[in-house]
Amino acid sequence: QAHLVESGGGLVQPGGSLRLSCAASGIAFSNYGMSWYRQPLGKEREVVALISSAGSSTTYGDSVKSRFTISRDNAKNSVYLQMNSLKPEDTAVYYCSARHKIAGTRYWGQGTQVTVSS
């Protein structure tokens, strides 16, 4: 059974940095494209960043381009989100998601809270 566990969230001041991690188990990790989504309180979930199954391609939401970097380590079944120059509007619950590159089956983690505030 697929299991995604996010970690690394917390409270950070504006301009600061955080690194989120997502550890996957129960899936053939290298067959899954991975992504990070976020959902601010009272708003819809939005895509933050995506990375292909081999890690050769990445895509970012417009609001995080040049500030966030997604990466993965297929040997560790993990995906990461390095977040720099954080802004209060980055405050949200951040979710890790895995999507099979052929079948399209999608799994979600439980989310981790990121709060950017002084």
N, C-alpha and C. Protein backbone atom coordinates (compact mmCIF):
# COMPACT_ATOMS: atom_id res chain seq x y z
N GLN A 1 0.85 -1.19 0.00
CA GLN A 1 0.00 0.00 0.00
C GLN A 1 0.89 1.24 0.00
N ALA A 2 0.52 2.21 -0.86
CA ALA A 2 1.31 3.42 -0.97
C ALA A 2 1.22 4.26 0.28
N HIS A 3 2.36 4.85 0.64
CA HIS A 3 2.41 5.68 1.83
C HIS A 3 3.39 6.80 1.57
N LEU A 4 2.92 8.05 1.66
CA LEU A 4 3.76 9.22 1.48
C LEU A 4 3.77 10.01 2.78
N VAL A 5 4.94 10.35 3.27
CA VAL A 5 5.05 11.07 4.53
C VAL A 5 5.89 12.32 4.33
N GLU A 6 5.26 13.48 4.52
CA GLU A 6 5.96 14.75 4.41
C GLU A 6 6.57 15.14 5.75
N SER A 7 7.64 15.89 5.69
CA SER A 7 8.26 16.43 6.89
C SER A 7 8.99 17.72 6.53
N GLY A 8 9.35 18.50 7.55
CA GLY A 8 10.14 19.70 7.33
C GLY A 8 9.37 21.00 7.40
N GLY A 9 8.07 20.92 7.57
CA GLY A 9 7.29 22.15 7.70
C GLY A 9 7.54 22.83 9.03
N GLY A 10 7.00 24.05 9.16
CA GLY A 10 7.16 24.77 10.41
C GLY A 10 6.92 26.25 10.22
N LEU A 11 7.35 27.02 11.22
CA LEU A 11 7.21 28.47 11.21
C LEU A 11 8.54 29.10 10.81
N VAL A 12 8.48 30.01 9.86
CA VAL A 12 9.69 30.68 9.39
C VAL A 12 9.37 32.15 9.14
N GLN A 13 10.36 33.01 9.31
CA GLN A 13 10.16 34.43 9.06
C GLN A 13 10.21 34.73 7.57
N PRO A 14 9.56 35.81 7.14
CA PRO A 14 9.65 36.20 5.73
C PRO A 14 11.11 36.35 5.30
N GLY A 15 11.40 35.85 4.11
CA GLY A 15 12.76 35.86 3.61
C GLY A 15 13.56 34.63 3.97
N GLY A 16 13.02 33.81 4.85
CA GLY A 16 13.72 32.61 5.28
C GLY A 16 13.56 31.45 4.32
N SER A 17 14.11 30.32 4.75
CA SER A 17 14.10 29.11 3.91
C SER A 17 13.62 27.91 4.71
N LEU A 18 13.06 26.96 4.00
CA LEU A 18 12.68 25.66 4.55
C LEU A 18 12.91 24.61 3.48
N ARG A 19 13.17 23.39 3.93
CA ARG A 19 13.30 22.26 3.00
C ARG A 19 12.30 21.19 3.41
N LEU A 20 11.35 20.93 2.54
CA LEU A 20 10.39 19.86 2.79
C LEU A 20 10.91 18.56 2.19
N SER A 21 10.59 17.49 2.86
CA SER A 21 10.93 16.15 2.38
C SER A 21 9.68 15.30 2.32
N CYS A 22 9.66 14.36 1.42
CA CYS A 22 8.57 13.40 1.31
C CYS A 22 9.17 12.02 1.06
N ALA A 23 8.91 11.13 2.00
CA ALA A 23 9.41 9.76 1.88
C ALA A 23 8.27 8.85 1.42
N ALA A 24 8.53 8.08 0.37
CA ALA A 24 7.52 7.20 -0.20
C ALA A 24 7.84 5.75 0.12
N SER A 25 6.79 4.97 0.33
CA SER A 25 6.93 3.54 0.51
C SER A 25 5.72 2.85 -0.12
N GLY A 26 5.90 1.57 -0.46
CA GLY A 26 4.79 0.81 -1.01
C GLY A 26 4.56 1.01 -2.49
N ILE A 27 5.43 1.79 -3.15
CA ILE A 27 5.31 2.00 -4.60
C ILE A 27 6.69 1.84 -5.24
N ALA A 28 6.68 1.58 -6.54
CA ALA A 28 7.93 1.56 -7.30
C ALA A 28 8.24 3.02 -7.64
N PHE A 29 8.96 3.65 -6.75
CA PHE A 29 9.11 5.10 -6.76
C PHE A 29 9.59 5.65 -8.10
N SER A 30 10.50 4.99 -8.75
CA SER A 30 11.07 5.51 -10.00
C SER A 30 10.07 5.48 -11.16
N ASN A 31 8.89 4.89 -10.96
CA ASN A 31 7.84 4.88 -11.98
C ASN A 31 6.83 6.00 -11.79
N TYR A 32 7.08 6.85 -10.81
CA TYR A 32 6.12 7.89 -10.46
C TYR A 32 6.70 9.28 -10.65
N GLY A 33 5.93 10.12 -11.35
CA GLY A 33 6.23 11.53 -11.29
C GLY A 33 5.79 12.03 -9.92
N MET A 34 6.56 12.96 -9.39
CA MET A 34 6.27 13.47 -8.04
C MET A 34 5.96 14.96 -8.12
N SER A 35 5.16 15.41 -7.20
CA SER A 35 4.80 16.82 -7.19
C SER A 35 4.51 17.29 -5.78
N TRP A 36 4.58 18.58 -5.62
CA TRP A 36 4.19 19.27 -4.39
C TRP A 36 3.01 20.18 -4.72
N TYR A 37 2.00 20.11 -3.89
CA TYR A 37 0.85 21.00 -3.97
C TYR A 37 0.77 21.75 -2.64
N ARG A 38 0.00 22.82 -2.64
CA ARG A 38 -0.25 23.50 -1.38
C ARG A 38 -1.69 24.00 -1.34
N GLN A 39 -2.20 24.15 -0.13
CA GLN A 39 -3.56 24.60 0.05
C GLN A 39 -3.60 25.61 1.20
N PRO A 40 -3.69 26.88 0.86
CA PRO A 40 -3.86 27.88 1.92
C PRO A 40 -5.23 27.71 2.58
N LEU A 41 -5.35 28.16 3.79
CA LEU A 41 -6.59 28.04 4.54
C LEU A 41 -7.74 28.72 3.79
N GLY A 42 -8.80 27.98 3.53
CA GLY A 42 -9.96 28.54 2.86
C GLY A 42 -9.85 28.66 1.36
N LYS A 43 -8.75 28.18 0.79
CA LYS A 43 -8.55 28.28 -0.65
C LYS A 43 -8.38 26.90 -1.26
N GLU A 44 -8.37 26.85 -2.58
CA GLU A 44 -8.22 25.58 -3.27
C GLU A 44 -6.76 25.14 -3.31
N ARG A 45 -6.59 23.84 -3.46
CA ARG A 45 -5.25 23.28 -3.58
C ARG A 45 -4.66 23.68 -4.93
N GLU A 46 -3.38 24.03 -4.94
CA GLU A 46 -2.71 24.44 -6.18
C GLU A 46 -1.38 23.74 -6.32
N VAL A 47 -0.97 23.54 -7.55
CA VAL A 47 0.29 22.87 -7.80
C VAL A 47 1.44 23.85 -7.55
N VAL A 48 2.48 23.35 -6.91
CA VAL A 48 3.66 24.15 -6.63
C VAL A 48 4.80 23.77 -7.57
N ALA A 49 5.08 22.48 -7.65
CA ALA A 49 6.20 22.02 -8.47
C ALA A 49 6.01 20.55 -8.82
N LEU A 50 6.52 20.17 -9.99
CA LEU A 50 6.46 18.79 -10.44
C LEU A 50 7.83 18.36 -10.93
N ILE A 51 8.11 17.06 -10.78
CA ILE A 51 9.36 16.50 -11.28
C ILE A 51 9.05 15.15 -11.91
N SER A 52 9.66 14.89 -13.05
CA SER A 52 9.40 13.64 -13.77
C SER A 52 9.98 12.45 -13.02
N SER A 53 9.60 11.27 -13.45
CA SER A 53 9.99 10.05 -12.74
C SER A 53 11.51 9.88 -12.68
N ALA A 54 12.20 10.30 -13.73
CA ALA A 54 13.65 10.18 -13.76
C ALA A 54 14.34 11.42 -13.21
N GLY A 55 13.58 12.45 -12.94
CA GLY A 55 14.15 13.69 -12.42
C GLY A 55 14.71 14.60 -13.48
N SER A 56 14.44 14.30 -14.73
CA SER A 56 15.04 15.06 -15.82
C SER A 56 14.26 16.30 -16.20
N SER A 57 13.02 16.40 -15.72
CA SER A 57 12.17 17.52 -16.07
C SER A 57 11.46 18.05 -14.85
N THR A 58 11.43 19.38 -14.72
CA THR A 58 10.73 20.02 -13.61
C THR A 58 9.84 21.14 -14.13
N THR A 59 8.79 21.40 -13.40
CA THR A 59 7.85 22.47 -13.73
C THR A 59 7.45 23.15 -12.43
N TYR A 60 7.27 24.47 -12.49
CA TYR A 60 6.93 25.23 -11.29
C TYR A 60 5.72 26.12 -11.52
N GLY A 61 4.98 26.34 -10.44
CA GLY A 61 3.92 27.31 -10.49
C GLY A 61 4.51 28.72 -10.61
N ASP A 62 3.77 29.61 -11.23
CA ASP A 62 4.30 30.95 -11.49
C ASP A 62 4.71 31.67 -10.21
N SER A 63 3.98 31.44 -9.14
CA SER A 63 4.22 32.20 -7.90
C SER A 63 5.49 31.76 -7.18
N VAL A 64 6.06 30.61 -7.56
CA VAL A 64 7.24 30.10 -6.83
C VAL A 64 8.48 29.99 -7.71
N LYS A 65 8.33 30.28 -8.99
CA LYS A 65 9.48 30.19 -9.89
C LYS A 65 10.63 31.03 -9.37
N SER A 66 11.81 30.52 -9.47
CA SER A 66 13.08 31.13 -9.06
C SER A 66 13.28 31.15 -7.55
N ARG A 67 12.25 30.74 -6.78
CA ARG A 67 12.40 30.69 -5.32
C ARG A 67 12.42 29.27 -4.79
N PHE A 68 11.67 28.39 -5.43
CA PHE A 68 11.56 27.00 -4.96
C PHE A 68 12.27 26.07 -5.94
N THR A 69 12.80 24.97 -5.41
CA THR A 69 13.45 23.95 -6.24
C THR A 69 12.98 22.57 -5.80
N ILE A 70 12.47 21.81 -6.75
CA ILE A 70 12.08 20.43 -6.48
C ILE A 70 13.19 19.51 -6.94
N SER A 71 13.43 18.44 -6.16
CA SER A 71 14.43 17.45 -6.52
C SER A 71 13.99 16.10 -5.98
N ARG A 72 14.64 15.06 -6.43
CA ARG A 72 14.29 13.72 -5.96
C ARG A 72 15.55 12.87 -5.89
N ASP A 73 15.46 11.85 -5.04
CA ASP A 73 16.52 10.85 -4.92
C ASP A 73 15.84 9.49 -5.02
N ASN A 74 15.93 8.88 -6.18
CA ASN A 74 15.22 7.62 -6.39
C ASN A 74 15.83 6.49 -5.56
N ALA A 75 17.07 6.61 -5.17
CA ALA A 75 17.70 5.59 -4.32
C ALA A 75 17.13 5.64 -2.91
N LYS A 76 16.62 6.81 -2.52
CA LYS A 76 16.06 6.97 -1.17
C LYS A 76 14.54 7.07 -1.19
N ASN A 77 13.94 6.90 -2.38
CA ASN A 77 12.47 6.99 -2.50
C ASN A 77 11.94 8.29 -1.90
N SER A 78 12.63 9.37 -2.21
CA SER A 78 12.28 10.64 -1.59
C SER A 78 12.26 11.78 -2.61
N VAL A 79 11.41 12.74 -2.32
CA VAL A 79 11.35 13.98 -3.09
C VAL A 79 11.45 15.13 -2.13
N TYR A 80 12.03 16.23 -2.61
CA TYR A 80 12.30 17.37 -1.74
C TYR A 80 11.78 18.67 -2.37
N LEU A 81 11.53 19.65 -1.53
CA LEU A 81 11.18 20.98 -2.00
C LEU A 81 11.98 21.98 -1.20
N GLN A 82 12.96 22.59 -1.84
CA GLN A 82 13.74 23.65 -1.20
C GLN A 82 13.01 24.96 -1.45
N MET A 83 12.66 25.65 -0.38
CA MET A 83 11.90 26.89 -0.48
C MET A 83 12.74 28.03 0.07
N ASN A 84 13.06 28.98 -0.78
CA ASN A 84 13.85 30.14 -0.38
C ASN A 84 13.03 31.42 -0.54
N SER A 85 13.51 32.47 0.08
CA SER A 85 12.84 33.78 -0.01
C SER A 85 11.35 33.66 0.26
N LEU A 86 11.03 32.99 1.34
CA LEU A 86 9.63 32.72 1.65
C LEU A 86 8.86 34.00 1.96
N LYS A 87 7.60 33.98 1.55
CA LYS A 87 6.72 35.13 1.73
C LYS A 87 5.50 34.69 2.55
N PRO A 88 4.84 35.63 3.21
CA PRO A 88 3.63 35.27 3.97
C PRO A 88 2.60 34.53 3.11
N GLU A 89 2.52 34.87 1.85
CA GLU A 89 1.54 34.21 0.97
C GLU A 89 1.92 32.78 0.63
N ASP A 90 3.09 32.33 1.04
CA ASP A 90 3.46 30.92 0.88
C ASP A 90 2.88 30.06 2.00
N THR A 91 2.27 30.69 2.99
CA THR A 91 1.67 29.96 4.10
C THR A 91 0.57 29.04 3.59
N ALA A 92 0.68 27.76 3.92
CA ALA A 92 -0.27 26.76 3.44
C ALA A 92 0.09 25.40 4.01
N VAL A 93 -0.81 24.45 3.82
CA VAL A 93 -0.46 23.05 4.04
C VAL A 93 0.12 22.54 2.71
N TYR A 94 1.28 21.95 2.79
CA TYR A 94 1.98 21.44 1.61
C TYR A 94 1.82 19.92 1.54
N TYR A 95 1.41 19.46 0.36
CA TYR A 95 1.16 18.05 0.16
C TYR A 95 2.11 17.48 -0.89
N CYS A 96 2.58 16.30 -0.64
CA CYS A 96 3.36 15.53 -1.59
C CYS A 96 2.40 14.61 -2.36
N SER A 97 2.64 14.44 -3.65
CA SER A 97 1.79 13.58 -4.45
C SER A 97 2.63 12.76 -5.42
N ALA A 98 2.23 11.52 -5.61
CA ALA A 98 2.88 10.62 -6.57
C ALA A 98 1.86 10.22 -7.64
N ARG A 99 2.27 10.28 -8.90
CA ARG A 99 1.39 9.89 -10.01
C ARG A 99 2.14 8.95 -10.94
N HIS A 100 1.57 7.76 -11.13
CA HIS A 100 2.23 6.77 -11.98
C HIS A 100 2.36 7.30 -13.40
N LYS A 101 3.53 7.12 -13.98
CA LYS A 101 3.83 7.75 -15.27
C LYS A 101 3.04 7.17 -16.43
N ILE A 102 2.47 5.97 -16.26
CA ILE A 102 1.67 5.37 -17.33
C ILE A 102 0.20 5.24 -16.91
N ALA A 103 -0.04 4.62 -15.78
CA ALA A 103 -1.41 4.34 -15.35
C ALA A 103 -2.13 5.59 -14.84
N GLY A 104 -1.36 6.56 -14.36
CA GLY A 104 -1.96 7.77 -13.84
C GLY A 104 -2.48 7.67 -12.42
N THR A 105 -2.30 6.55 -11.79
CA THR A 105 -2.74 6.39 -10.39
C THR A 105 -2.04 7.42 -9.52
N ARG A 106 -2.82 8.07 -8.66
CA ARG A 106 -2.25 9.15 -7.83
C ARG A 106 -2.43 8.84 -6.35
N TYR A 107 -1.39 9.18 -5.60
CA TYR A 107 -1.41 9.05 -4.13
C TYR A 107 -1.03 10.39 -3.52
N TRP A 108 -1.54 10.59 -2.29
CA TRP A 108 -1.28 11.84 -1.57
C TRP A 108 -0.72 11.56 -0.18
N GLY A 109 0.12 12.47 0.28
CA GLY A 109 0.55 12.45 1.67
C GLY A 109 -0.47 13.16 2.53
N GLN A 110 -0.16 13.23 3.83
CA GLN A 110 -1.11 13.82 4.78
C GLN A 110 -0.94 15.33 4.91
N GLY A 111 0.17 15.86 4.38
CA GLY A 111 0.41 17.30 4.41
C GLY A 111 1.27 17.74 5.57
N THR A 112 1.95 18.86 5.36
CA THR A 112 2.75 19.48 6.41
C THR A 112 2.52 20.98 6.36
N GLN A 113 2.34 21.59 7.52
CA GLN A 113 2.02 23.01 7.59
C GLN A 113 3.29 23.86 7.45
N VAL A 114 3.22 24.85 6.59
CA VAL A 114 4.27 25.86 6.47
C VAL A 114 3.64 27.21 6.77
N THR A 115 4.20 27.91 7.75
CA THR A 115 3.70 29.22 8.13
C THR A 115 4.84 30.23 8.02
N VAL A 116 4.60 31.27 7.22
CA VAL A 116 5.60 32.32 7.04
C VAL A 116 5.07 33.58 7.70
N SER A 117 5.69 33.95 8.79
CA SER A 117 5.20 35.09 9.58
C SER A 117 6.31 35.64 10.45
N SER A 118 6.25 36.94 10.68
CA SER A 118 7.22 37.57 11.58
C SER A 118 6.64 37.64 12.99
